[in-house]
Amino acid sequence: MLDDISELKVDGVGGVYLVWHGGVRPGWLLAGSSGDLGFAFREFREDREIRDYEGRGGVFISWSPIKSEFRDGVVHFLARSIKPVFECDFNSNEDAIPVMLPR
């Protein structure tokens, strides 16, 4: 995980993120949203459960700025599509909004 989150210029930026680990058997860890991606990414860096995956080929984050009214729908789609290790927090009453997954 990146040591200096400020380099990403996501402080105060709202959007959706995906967290995954690499390695021999890479896997999705979490999909979610935040009104401040910089804050969320710093929290992940301190999260013991996520850090446990560092030894499995590293932990990576992908994100996209998304308007707040669409975030739950995008996370709904992502959580349903990737079946992450950790439970995703979103309003399941929102219709899923399809997006492209990172490659």
PDB file of N, CA and C in Angstrom:
ATOM      1  N   MET A   1       0.843  -1.174   0.000  1.00  0.00           N
ATOM      2  CA  MET A   1       0.000   0.000   0.000  1.00  0.00           C
ATOM      3  C   MET A   1       0.890   1.239   0.000  1.00  0.00           C
ATOM      4  N   LEU A   2       0.428   2.252  -0.635  1.00  0.00           N
ATOM      5  CA  LEU A   2       1.178   3.498  -0.734  1.00  0.00           C
ATOM      6  C   LEU A   2       1.399   4.108   0.643  1.00  0.00           C
ATOM      7  N   ASP A   3       2.628   4.543   0.914  1.00  0.00           N
ATOM      8  CA  ASP A   3       2.937   5.155   2.208  1.00  0.00           C
ATOM      9  C   ASP A   3       2.414   6.576   2.313  1.00  0.00           C
ATOM     10  N   ASP A   4       2.492   7.342   1.242  1.00  0.00           N
ATOM     11  CA  ASP A   4       2.079   8.741   1.285  1.00  0.00           C
ATOM     12  C   ASP A   4       0.801   8.933   0.460  1.00  0.00           C
ATOM     13  N   ILE A   5      -0.327   8.827   1.128  1.00  0.00           N
ATOM     14  CA  ILE A   5      -1.629   8.936   0.476  1.00  0.00           C
ATOM     15  C   ILE A   5      -1.803  10.313  -0.163  1.00  0.00           C
ATOM     16  N   SER A   6      -1.183  11.341   0.395  1.00  0.00           N
ATOM     17  CA  SER A   6      -1.352  12.693  -0.147  1.00  0.00           C
ATOM     18  C   SER A   6      -0.875  12.791  -1.597  1.00  0.00           C
ATOM     19  N   GLU A   7       0.034  11.902  -2.021  1.00  0.00           N
ATOM     20  CA  GLU A   7       0.493  11.896  -3.411  1.00  0.00           C
ATOM     21  C   GLU A   7      -0.640  11.599  -4.391  1.00  0.00           C
ATOM     22  N   LEU A   8      -1.674  10.923  -3.920  1.00  0.00           N
ATOM     23  CA  LEU A   8      -2.790  10.543  -4.787  1.00  0.00           C
ATOM     24  C   LEU A   8      -3.746  11.701  -5.057  1.00  0.00           C
ATOM     25  N   LYS A   9      -3.685  12.728  -4.232  1.00  0.00           N
ATOM     26  CA  LYS A   9      -4.551  13.912  -4.374  1.00  0.00           C
ATOM     27  C   LYS A   9      -6.039  13.537  -4.287  1.00  0.00           C
ATOM     28  N   VAL A  10      -6.366  12.690  -3.298  1.00  0.00           N
ATOM     29  CA  VAL A  10      -7.749  12.268  -3.103  1.00  0.00           C
ATOM     30  C   VAL A  10      -8.334  12.775  -1.782  1.00  0.00           C
ATOM     31  N   ASP A  11      -7.592  13.606  -1.061  1.00  0.00           N
ATOM     32  CA  ASP A  11      -8.136  14.169   0.174  1.00  0.00           C
ATOM     33  C   ASP A  11      -9.338  15.039  -0.153  1.00  0.00           C
ATOM     34  N   GLY A  12     -10.465  14.738   0.491  1.00  0.00           N
ATOM     35  CA  GLY A  12     -11.685  15.494   0.266  1.00  0.00           C
ATOM     36  C   GLY A  12     -12.455  15.101  -0.988  1.00  0.00           C
ATOM     37  N   VAL A  13     -11.925  14.153  -1.751  1.00  0.00           N
ATOM     38  CA  VAL A  13     -12.591  13.690  -2.981  1.00  0.00           C
ATOM     39  C   VAL A  13     -13.502  12.522  -2.628  1.00  0.00           C
ATOM     40  N   GLY A  14     -14.759  12.591  -3.049  1.00  0.00           N
ATOM     41  CA  GLY A  14     -15.699  11.513  -2.818  1.00  0.00           C
ATOM     42  C   GLY A  14     -15.712  10.544  -3.977  1.00  0.00           C
ATOM     43  N   GLY A  15     -15.919   9.271  -3.677  1.00  0.00           N
ATOM     44  CA  GLY A  15     -15.964   8.287  -4.753  1.00  0.00           C
ATOM     45  C   GLY A  15     -16.130   6.876  -4.248  1.00  0.00           C
ATOM     46  N   VAL A  16     -15.831   5.953  -5.132  1.00  0.00           N
ATOM     47  CA  VAL A  16     -15.964   4.520  -4.890  1.00  0.00           C
ATOM     48  C   VAL A  16     -14.591   3.886  -5.017  1.00  0.00           C
ATOM     49  N   TYR A  17     -14.344   2.840  -4.231  1.00  0.00           N
ATOM     50  CA  TYR A  17     -13.052   2.168  -4.260  1.00  0.00           C
ATOM     51  C   TYR A  17     -13.209   0.650  -4.250  1.00  0.00           C
ATOM     52  N   LEU A  18     -12.162  -0.007  -4.704  1.00  0.00           N
ATOM     53  CA  LEU A  18     -12.024  -1.465  -4.618  1.00  0.00           C
ATOM     54  C   LEU A  18     -10.672  -1.757  -3.985  1.00  0.00           C
ATOM     55  N   VAL A  19     -10.636  -2.710  -3.082  1.00  0.00           N
ATOM     56  CA  VAL A  19      -9.395  -3.132  -2.444  1.00  0.00           C
ATOM     57  C   VAL A  19      -9.207  -4.603  -2.756  1.00  0.00           C
ATOM     58  N   TRP A  20      -7.998  -4.979  -3.182  1.00  0.00           N
ATOM     59  CA  TRP A  20      -7.709  -6.379  -3.472  1.00  0.00           C
ATOM     60  C   TRP A  20      -6.281  -6.710  -3.089  1.00  0.00           C
ATOM     61  N   HIS A  21      -5.980  -8.005  -3.065  1.00  0.00           N
ATOM     62  CA  HIS A  21      -4.606  -8.435  -2.801  1.00  0.00           C
ATOM     63  C   HIS A  21      -4.101  -9.210  -4.009  1.00  0.00           C
ATOM     64  N   GLY A  22      -2.791  -9.142  -4.200  1.00  0.00           N
ATOM     65  CA  GLY A  22      -2.150  -9.851  -5.308  1.00  0.00           C
ATOM     66  C   GLY A  22      -1.708 -11.231  -4.859  1.00  0.00           C
ATOM     67  N   GLY A  23      -0.709 -11.742  -5.512  1.00  0.00           N
ATOM     68  CA  GLY A  23      -0.152 -13.032  -5.140  1.00  0.00           C
ATOM     69  C   GLY A  23      -0.558 -14.147  -6.082  1.00  0.00           C
ATOM     70  N   VAL A  24      -0.299 -15.367  -5.655  1.00  0.00           N
ATOM     71  CA  VAL A  24      -0.591 -16.551  -6.467  1.00  0.00           C
ATOM     72  C   VAL A  24      -2.092 -16.671  -6.716  1.00  0.00           C
ATOM     73  N   ARG A  25      -2.880 -16.400  -5.699  1.00  0.00           N
ATOM     74  CA  ARG A  25      -4.343 -16.434  -5.834  1.00  0.00           C
ATOM     75  C   ARG A  25      -4.916 -15.082  -5.414  1.00  0.00           C
ATOM     76  N   PRO A  26      -4.805 -14.077  -6.297  1.00  0.00           N
ATOM     77  CA  PRO A  26      -5.304 -12.749  -5.934  1.00  0.00           C
ATOM     78  C   PRO A  26      -6.805 -12.791  -5.657  1.00  0.00           C
ATOM     79  N   GLY A  27      -7.261 -11.856  -4.849  1.00  0.00           N
ATOM     80  CA  GLY A  27      -8.683 -11.826  -4.529  1.00  0.00           C
ATOM     81  C   GLY A  27      -9.148 -10.449  -4.114  1.00  0.00           C
ATOM     82  N   TRP A  28     -10.445 -10.234  -4.284  1.00  0.00           N
ATOM     83  CA  TRP A  28     -11.074  -8.973  -3.897  1.00  0.00           C
ATOM     84  C   TRP A  28     -11.289  -8.967  -2.398  1.00  0.00           C
ATOM     85  N   LEU A  29     -10.949  -7.860  -1.761  1.00  0.00           N
ATOM     86  CA  LEU A  29     -11.141  -7.743  -0.321  1.00  0.00           C
ATOM     87  C   LEU A  29     -12.371  -6.915   0.039  1.00  0.00           C
ATOM     88  N   LEU A  30     -12.589  -5.809  -0.669  1.00  0.00           N
ATOM     89  CA  LEU A  30     -13.636  -4.886  -0.244  1.00  0.00           C
ATOM     90  C   LEU A  30     -14.012  -3.935  -1.370  1.00  0.00           C
ATOM     91  N   ALA A  31     -15.282  -3.580  -1.427  1.00  0.00           N
ATOM     92  CA  ALA A  31     -15.772  -2.493  -2.283  1.00  0.00           C
ATOM     93  C   ALA A  31     -16.500  -1.529  -1.359  1.00  0.00           C
ATOM     94  N   GLY A  32     -16.379  -0.237  -1.629  1.00  0.00           N
ATOM     95  CA  GLY A  32     -17.060   0.724  -0.778  1.00  0.00           C
ATOM     96  C   GLY A  32     -17.023   2.117  -1.358  1.00  0.00           C
ATOM     97  N   SER A  33     -17.523   3.051  -0.568  1.00  0.00           N
ATOM     98  CA  SER A  33     -17.524   4.449  -1.000  1.00  0.00           C
ATOM     99  C   SER A  33     -17.180   5.328   0.187  1.00  0.00           C
ATOM    100  N   SER A  34     -16.779   6.540  -0.125  1.00  0.00           N
ATOM    101  CA  SER A  34     -16.430   7.493   0.917  1.00  0.00           C
ATOM    102  C   SER A  34     -16.577   8.909   0.368  1.00  0.00           C
ATOM    103  N   GLY A  35     -16.926   9.827   1.246  1.00  0.00           N
ATOM    104  CA  GLY A  35     -16.947  11.237   0.892  1.00  0.00           C
ATOM    105  C   GLY A  35     -15.550  11.836   0.892  1.00  0.00           C
ATOM    106  N   ASP A  36     -14.579  11.088   1.448  1.00  0.00           N
ATOM    107  CA  ASP A  36     -13.182  11.519   1.488  1.00  0.00           C
ATOM    108  C   ASP A  36     -12.303  10.285   1.289  1.00  0.00           C
ATOM    109  N   LEU A  37     -11.942  10.030   0.038  1.00  0.00           N
ATOM    110  CA  LEU A  37     -11.152   8.834  -0.279  1.00  0.00           C
ATOM    111  C   LEU A  37      -9.806   8.826   0.442  1.00  0.00           C
ATOM    112  N   GLY A  38      -9.187   9.992   0.593  1.00  0.00           N
ATOM    113  CA  GLY A  38      -7.912  10.058   1.307  1.00  0.00           C
ATOM    114  C   GLY A  38      -8.041   9.532   2.726  1.00  0.00           C
ATOM    115  N   PHE A  39      -9.089   9.947   3.416  1.00  0.00           N
ATOM    116  CA  PHE A  39      -9.332   9.477   4.781  1.00  0.00           C
ATOM    117  C   PHE A  39      -9.552   7.961   4.784  1.00  0.00           C
ATOM    118  N   ALA A  40     -10.388   7.472   3.867  1.00  0.00           N
ATOM    119  CA  ALA A  40     -10.670   6.028   3.807  1.00  0.00           C
ATOM    120  C   ALA A  40      -9.395   5.232   3.555  1.00  0.00           C
ATOM    121  N   PHE A  41      -8.552   5.703   2.651  1.00  0.00           N
ATOM    122  CA  PHE A  41      -7.319   4.975   2.326  1.00  0.00           C
ATOM    123  C   PHE A  41      -6.364   4.945   3.514  1.00  0.00           C
ATOM    124  N   ARG A  42      -6.316   6.034   4.282  1.00  0.00           N
ATOM    125  CA  ARG A  42      -5.476   6.044   5.488  1.00  0.00           C
ATOM    126  C   ARG A  42      -6.006   5.042   6.509  1.00  0.00           C
ATOM    127  N   GLU A  43      -7.321   4.938   6.604  1.00  0.00           N
ATOM    128  CA  GLU A  43      -7.926   3.957   7.508  1.00  0.00           C
ATOM    129  C   GLU A  43      -7.544   2.529   7.095  1.00  0.00           C
ATOM    130  N   PHE A  44      -7.558   2.245   5.801  1.00  0.00           N
ATOM    131  CA  PHE A  44      -7.186   0.910   5.317  1.00  0.00           C
ATOM    132  C   PHE A  44      -5.743   0.587   5.691  1.00  0.00           C
ATOM    133  N   ARG A  45      -4.890   1.577   5.589  1.00  0.00           N
ATOM    134  CA  ARG A  45      -3.472   1.365   5.886  1.00  0.00           C
ATOM    135  C   ARG A  45      -3.284   0.961   7.346  1.00  0.00           C
ATOM    136  N   GLU A  46      -4.185   1.384   8.210  1.00  0.00           N
ATOM    137  CA  GLU A  46      -4.103   1.057   9.638  1.00  0.00           C
ATOM    138  C   GLU A  46      -4.938  -0.174  10.012  1.00  0.00           C
ATOM    139  N   ASP A  47      -5.786  -0.645   9.115  1.00  0.00           N
ATOM    140  CA  ASP A  47      -6.694  -1.763   9.402  1.00  0.00           C
ATOM    141  C   ASP A  47      -5.925  -3.079   9.439  1.00  0.00           C
ATOM    142  N   ARG A  48      -5.905  -3.703  10.592  1.00  0.00           N
ATOM    143  CA  ARG A  48      -5.140  -4.940  10.788  1.00  0.00           C
ATOM    144  C   ARG A  48      -5.619  -6.068   9.871  1.00  0.00           C
ATOM    145  N   GLU A  49      -6.927  -6.208   9.686  1.00  0.00           N
ATOM    146  CA  GLU A  49      -7.451  -7.284   8.837  1.00  0.00           C
ATOM    147  C   GLU A  49      -7.007  -7.113   7.383  1.00  0.00           C
ATOM    148  N   ILE A  50      -6.998  -5.899   6.896  1.00  0.00           N
ATOM    149  CA  ILE A  50      -6.552  -5.655   5.521  1.00  0.00           C
ATOM    150  C   ILE A  50      -5.037  -5.818   5.426  1.00  0.00           C
ATOM    151  N   ARG A  51      -4.310  -5.312   6.408  1.00  0.00           N
ATOM    152  CA  ARG A  51      -2.848  -5.431   6.396  1.00  0.00           C
ATOM    153  C   ARG A  51      -2.396  -6.878   6.424  1.00  0.00           C
ATOM    154  N   ASP A  52      -3.205  -7.769   6.985  1.00  0.00           N
ATOM    155  CA  ASP A  52      -2.858  -9.200   7.003  1.00  0.00           C
ATOM    156  C   ASP A  52      -2.665  -9.747   5.594  1.00  0.00           C
ATOM    157  N   TYR A  53      -3.248  -9.093   4.598  1.00  0.00           N
ATOM    158  CA  TYR A  53      -3.134  -9.551   3.209  1.00  0.00           C
ATOM    159  C   TYR A  53      -1.892  -9.010   2.502  1.00  0.00           C
ATOM    160  N   GLU A  54      -1.133  -8.136   3.132  1.00  0.00           N
ATOM    161  CA  GLU A  54       0.091  -7.595   2.531  1.00  0.00           C
ATOM    162  C   GLU A  54       1.046  -8.713   2.121  1.00  0.00           C
ATOM    163  N   GLY A  55       1.129  -9.751   2.921  1.00  0.00           N
ATOM    164  CA  GLY A  55       2.032 -10.870   2.645  1.00  0.00           C
ATOM    165  C   GLY A  55       1.572 -11.780   1.520  1.00  0.00           C
ATOM    166  N   ARG A  56       0.432 -11.531   0.964  1.00  0.00           N
ATOM    167  CA  ARG A  56      -0.110 -12.355  -0.128  1.00  0.00           C
ATOM    168  C   ARG A  56       0.035 -11.643  -1.463  1.00  0.00           C
ATOM    169  N   GLY A  57       1.139 -10.967  -1.651  1.00  0.00           N
ATOM    170  CA  GLY A  57       1.363 -10.291  -2.923  1.00  0.00           C
ATOM    171  C   GLY A  57       1.022  -8.821  -2.916  1.00  0.00           C
ATOM    172  N   GLY A  58       0.776  -8.249  -1.742  1.00  0.00           N
ATOM    173  CA  GLY A  58       0.495  -6.824  -1.634  1.00  0.00           C
ATOM    174  C   GLY A  58      -0.986  -6.512  -1.663  1.00  0.00           C
ATOM    175  N   VAL A  59      -1.323  -5.350  -1.112  1.00  0.00           N
ATOM    176  CA  VAL A  59      -2.702  -4.861  -1.114  1.00  0.00           C
ATOM    177  C   VAL A  59      -2.753  -3.651  -2.033  1.00  0.00           C
ATOM    178  N   PHE A  60      -3.800  -3.593  -2.847  1.00  0.00           N
ATOM    179  CA  PHE A  60      -3.929  -2.548  -3.855  1.00  0.00           C
ATOM    180  C   PHE A  60      -5.310  -1.917  -3.775  1.00  0.00           C
ATOM    181  N   ILE A  61      -5.384  -0.662  -4.203  1.00  0.00           N
ATOM    182  CA  ILE A  61      -6.652   0.071  -4.201  1.00  0.00           C
ATOM    183  C   ILE A  61      -6.851   0.711  -5.568  1.00  0.00           C
ATOM    184  N   SER A  62      -8.062   0.596  -6.068  1.00  0.00           N
ATOM    185  CA  SER A  62      -8.465   1.303  -7.276  1.00  0.00           C
ATOM    186  C   SER A  62      -9.663   2.161  -6.885  1.00  0.00           C
ATOM    187  N   TRP A  63      -9.802   3.329  -7.486  1.00  0.00           N
ATOM    188  CA  TRP A  63     -10.900   4.220  -7.116  1.00  0.00           C
ATOM    189  C   TRP A  63     -11.337   5.058  -8.310  1.00  0.00           C
ATOM    190  N   SER A  64     -12.514   5.625  -8.142  1.00  0.00           N
ATOM    191  CA  SER A  64     -13.034   6.552  -9.134  1.00  0.00           C
ATOM    192  C   SER A  64     -13.896   7.577  -8.415  1.00  0.00           C
ATOM    193  N   PRO A  65     -13.744   8.855  -8.750  1.00  0.00           N
ATOM    194  CA  PRO A  65     -14.664   9.842  -8.187  1.00  0.00           C
ATOM    195  C   PRO A  65     -16.065   9.582  -8.747  1.00  0.00           C
ATOM    196  N   ILE A  66     -17.030   9.520  -7.870  1.00  0.00           N
ATOM    197  CA  ILE A  66     -18.425   9.247  -8.251  1.00  0.00           C
ATOM    198  C   ILE A  66     -19.298  10.194  -7.433  1.00  0.00           C
ATOM    199  N   LYS A  67     -20.292  10.794  -8.068  1.00  0.00           N
ATOM    200  CA  LYS A  67     -21.225  11.662  -7.350  1.00  0.00           C
ATOM    201  C   LYS A  67     -21.913  10.866  -6.242  1.00  0.00           C
ATOM    202  N   SER A  68     -22.176  11.539  -5.130  1.00  0.00           N
ATOM    203  CA  SER A  68     -22.716  10.863  -3.944  1.00  0.00           C
ATOM    204  C   SER A  68     -24.022  10.116  -4.218  1.00  0.00           C
ATOM    205  N   GLU A  69     -24.867  10.647  -5.086  1.00  0.00           N
ATOM    206  CA  GLU A  69     -26.160   9.996  -5.327  1.00  0.00           C
ATOM    207  C   GLU A  69     -26.046   8.681  -6.095  1.00  0.00           C
ATOM    208  N   PHE A  70     -24.888   8.393  -6.670  1.00  0.00           N
ATOM    209  CA  PHE A  70     -24.695   7.153  -7.424  1.00  0.00           C
ATOM    210  C   PHE A  70     -23.821   6.130  -6.699  1.00  0.00           C
ATOM    211  N   ARG A  71     -23.202   6.515  -5.608  1.00  0.00           N
ATOM    212  CA  ARG A  71     -22.217   5.647  -4.951  1.00  0.00           C
ATOM    213  C   ARG A  71     -22.795   4.332  -4.465  1.00  0.00           C
ATOM    214  N   ASP A  72     -23.946   4.362  -3.770  1.00  0.00           N
ATOM    215  CA  ASP A  72     -24.515   3.105  -3.264  1.00  0.00           C
ATOM    216  C   ASP A  72     -24.859   2.151  -4.398  1.00  0.00           C
ATOM    217  N   GLY A  73     -25.370   2.667  -5.501  1.00  0.00           N
ATOM    218  CA  GLY A  73     -25.700   1.808  -6.643  1.00  0.00           C
ATOM    219  C   GLY A  73     -24.468   1.177  -7.255  1.00  0.00           C
ATOM    220  N   VAL A  74     -23.377   1.939  -7.334  1.00  0.00           N
ATOM    221  CA  VAL A  74     -22.132   1.401  -7.886  1.00  0.00           C
ATOM    222  C   VAL A  74     -21.554   0.352  -6.940  1.00  0.00           C
ATOM    223  N   VAL A  75     -21.527   0.644  -5.643  1.00  0.00           N
ATOM    224  CA  VAL A  75     -21.001  -0.335  -4.681  1.00  0.00           C
ATOM    225  C   VAL A  75     -21.879  -1.589  -4.674  1.00  0.00           C
ATOM    226  N   HIS A  76     -23.183  -1.414  -4.793  1.00  0.00           N
ATOM    227  CA  HIS A  76     -24.097  -2.567  -4.878  1.00  0.00           C
ATOM    228  C   HIS A  76     -23.680  -3.473  -6.038  1.00  0.00           C
ATOM    229  N   PHE A  77     -23.460  -2.885  -7.209  1.00  0.00           N
ATOM    230  CA  PHE A  77     -23.034  -3.660  -8.376  1.00  0.00           C
ATOM    231  C   PHE A  77     -21.684  -4.337  -8.121  1.00  0.00           C
ATOM    232  N   LEU A  78     -20.726  -3.579  -7.598  1.00  0.00           N
ATOM    233  CA  LEU A  78     -19.394  -4.135  -7.369  1.00  0.00           C
ATOM    234  C   LEU A  78     -19.435  -5.280  -6.368  1.00  0.00           C
ATOM    235  N   ALA A  79     -20.116  -5.091  -5.251  1.00  0.00           N
ATOM    236  CA  ALA A  79     -20.179  -6.130  -4.220  1.00  0.00           C
ATOM    237  C   ALA A  79     -20.813  -7.405  -4.765  1.00  0.00           C
ATOM    238  N   ARG A  80     -21.846  -7.249  -5.564  1.00  0.00           N
ATOM    239  CA  ARG A  80     -22.520  -8.407  -6.158  1.00  0.00           C
ATOM    240  C   ARG A  80     -21.634  -9.088  -7.193  1.00  0.00           C
ATOM    241  N   SER A  81     -20.815  -8.317  -7.893  1.00  0.00           N
ATOM    242  CA  SER A  81     -19.996  -8.853  -8.978  1.00  0.00           C
ATOM    243  C   SER A  81     -18.717  -9.525  -8.505  1.00  0.00           C
ATOM    244  N   ILE A  82     -18.063  -8.952  -7.496  1.00  0.00           N
ATOM    245  CA  ILE A  82     -16.743  -9.454  -7.112  1.00  0.00           C
ATOM    246  C   ILE A  82     -16.762 -10.399  -5.918  1.00  0.00           C
ATOM    247  N   LYS A  83     -17.814 -10.404  -5.141  1.00  0.00           N
ATOM    248  CA  LYS A  83     -17.928 -11.251  -3.958  1.00  0.00           C
ATOM    249  C   LYS A  83     -16.688 -11.120  -3.058  1.00  0.00           C
ATOM    250  N   PRO A  84     -16.492  -9.933  -2.472  1.00  0.00           N
ATOM    251  CA  PRO A  84     -15.284  -9.677  -1.684  1.00  0.00           C
ATOM    252  C   PRO A  84     -15.240 -10.444  -0.363  1.00  0.00           C
ATOM    253  N   VAL A  85     -14.050 -10.525   0.215  1.00  0.00           N
ATOM    254  CA  VAL A  85     -13.834 -11.193   1.497  1.00  0.00           C
ATOM    255  C   VAL A  85     -14.599 -10.494   2.614  1.00  0.00           C
ATOM    256  N   PHE A  86     -14.534  -9.162   2.658  1.00  0.00           N
ATOM    257  CA  PHE A  86     -15.168  -8.396   3.723  1.00  0.00           C
ATOM    258  C   PHE A  86     -16.528  -7.866   3.273  1.00  0.00           C
ATOM    259  N   GLU A  87     -17.430  -7.741   4.233  1.00  0.00           N
ATOM    260  CA  GLU A  87     -18.771  -7.232   3.945  1.00  0.00           C
ATOM    261  C   GLU A  87     -18.691  -5.772   3.490  1.00  0.00           C
ATOM    262  N   CYS A  88     -19.456  -5.453   2.474  1.00  0.00           N
ATOM    263  CA  CYS A  88     -19.477  -4.100   1.915  1.00  0.00           C
ATOM    264  C   CYS A  88     -20.660  -3.334   2.492  1.00  0.00           C
ATOM    265  N   ASP A  89     -20.437  -2.071   2.779  1.00  0.00           N
ATOM    266  CA  ASP A  89     -21.471  -1.219   3.352  1.00  0.00           C
ATOM    267  C   ASP A  89     -22.098  -0.370   2.245  1.00  0.00           C
ATOM    268  N   PHE A  90     -23.383  -0.623   1.962  1.00  0.00           N
ATOM    269  CA  PHE A  90     -24.114   0.145   0.955  1.00  0.00           C
ATOM    270  C   PHE A  90     -25.600  -0.045   1.183  1.00  0.00           C
ATOM    271  N   ASN A  91     -26.396   0.818   0.596  1.00  0.00           N
ATOM    272  CA  ASN A  91     -27.845   0.711   0.693  1.00  0.00           C
ATOM    273  C   ASN A  91     -28.320  -0.270  -0.372  1.00  0.00           C
ATOM    274  N   SER A  92     -28.706  -1.459   0.050  1.00  0.00           N
ATOM    275  CA  SER A  92     -29.112  -2.498  -0.902  1.00  0.00           C
ATOM    276  C   SER A  92     -30.451  -2.186  -1.570  1.00  0.00           C
ATOM    277  N   ASN A  93     -31.153  -1.167  -1.103  1.00  0.00           N
ATOM    278  CA  ASN A  93     -32.398  -0.760  -1.752  1.00  0.00           C
ATOM    279  C   ASN A  93     -32.133   0.035  -3.024  1.00  0.00           C
ATOM    280  N   GLU A  94     -30.901   0.517  -3.177  1.00  0.00           N
ATOM    281  CA  GLU A  94     -30.525   1.240  -4.391  1.00  0.00           C
ATOM    282  C   GLU A  94     -30.305   0.237  -5.522  1.00  0.00           C
ATOM    283  N   ASP A  95     -30.777   0.587  -6.708  1.00  0.00           N
ATOM    284  CA  ASP A  95     -30.529  -0.262  -7.868  1.00  0.00           C
ATOM    285  C   ASP A  95     -29.039  -0.324  -8.153  1.00  0.00           C
ATOM    286  N   ALA A  96     -28.564  -1.509  -8.539  1.00  0.00           N
ATOM    287  CA  ALA A  96     -27.158  -1.663  -8.902  1.00  0.00           C
ATOM    288  C   ALA A  96     -26.876  -0.852 -10.174  1.00  0.00           C
ATOM    289  N   ILE A  97     -25.762  -0.153 -10.172  1.00  0.00           N
ATOM    290  CA  ILE A  97     -25.341   0.629 -11.330  1.00  0.00           C
ATOM    291  C   ILE A  97     -24.097  -0.020 -11.917  1.00  0.00           C
ATOM    292  N   PRO A  98     -24.194  -0.626 -13.092  1.00  0.00           N
ATOM    293  CA  PRO A  98     -23.042  -1.321 -13.679  1.00  0.00           C
ATOM    294  C   PRO A  98     -21.883  -0.371 -14.017  1.00  0.00           C
ATOM    295  N   VAL A  99     -20.684  -0.817 -13.696  1.00  0.00           N
ATOM    296  CA  VAL A  99     -19.453  -0.106 -14.039  1.00  0.00           C
ATOM    297  C   VAL A  99     -18.433  -1.161 -14.472  1.00  0.00           C
ATOM    298  N   MET A 100     -17.367  -0.704 -15.102  1.00  0.00           N
ATOM    299  CA  MET A 100     -16.309  -1.620 -15.520  1.00  0.00           C
ATOM    300  C   MET A 100     -15.363  -1.858 -14.344  1.00  0.00           C
ATOM    301  N   LEU A 101     -14.962  -3.108 -14.172  1.00  0.00           N
ATOM    302  CA  LEU A 101     -13.998  -3.456 -13.134  1.00  0.00           C
ATOM    303  C   LEU A 101     -12.583  -3.137 -13.629  1.00  0.00           C
ATOM    304  N   PRO A 102     -11.672  -2.819 -12.690  1.00  0.00           N
ATOM    305  CA  PRO A 102     -10.287  -2.592 -13.113  1.00  0.00           C
ATOM    306  C   PRO A 102      -9.675  -3.887 -13.624  1.00  0.00           C
ATOM    307  N   ARG A 103      -8.694  -3.756 -14.489  1.00  0.00           N
ATOM    308  CA  ARG A 103      -8.021  -4.938 -15.043  1.00  0.00           C
ATOM    309  C   ARG A 103      -6.645  -5.065 -14.487  1.00  0.00           C
TER     310      ARG A 103
END
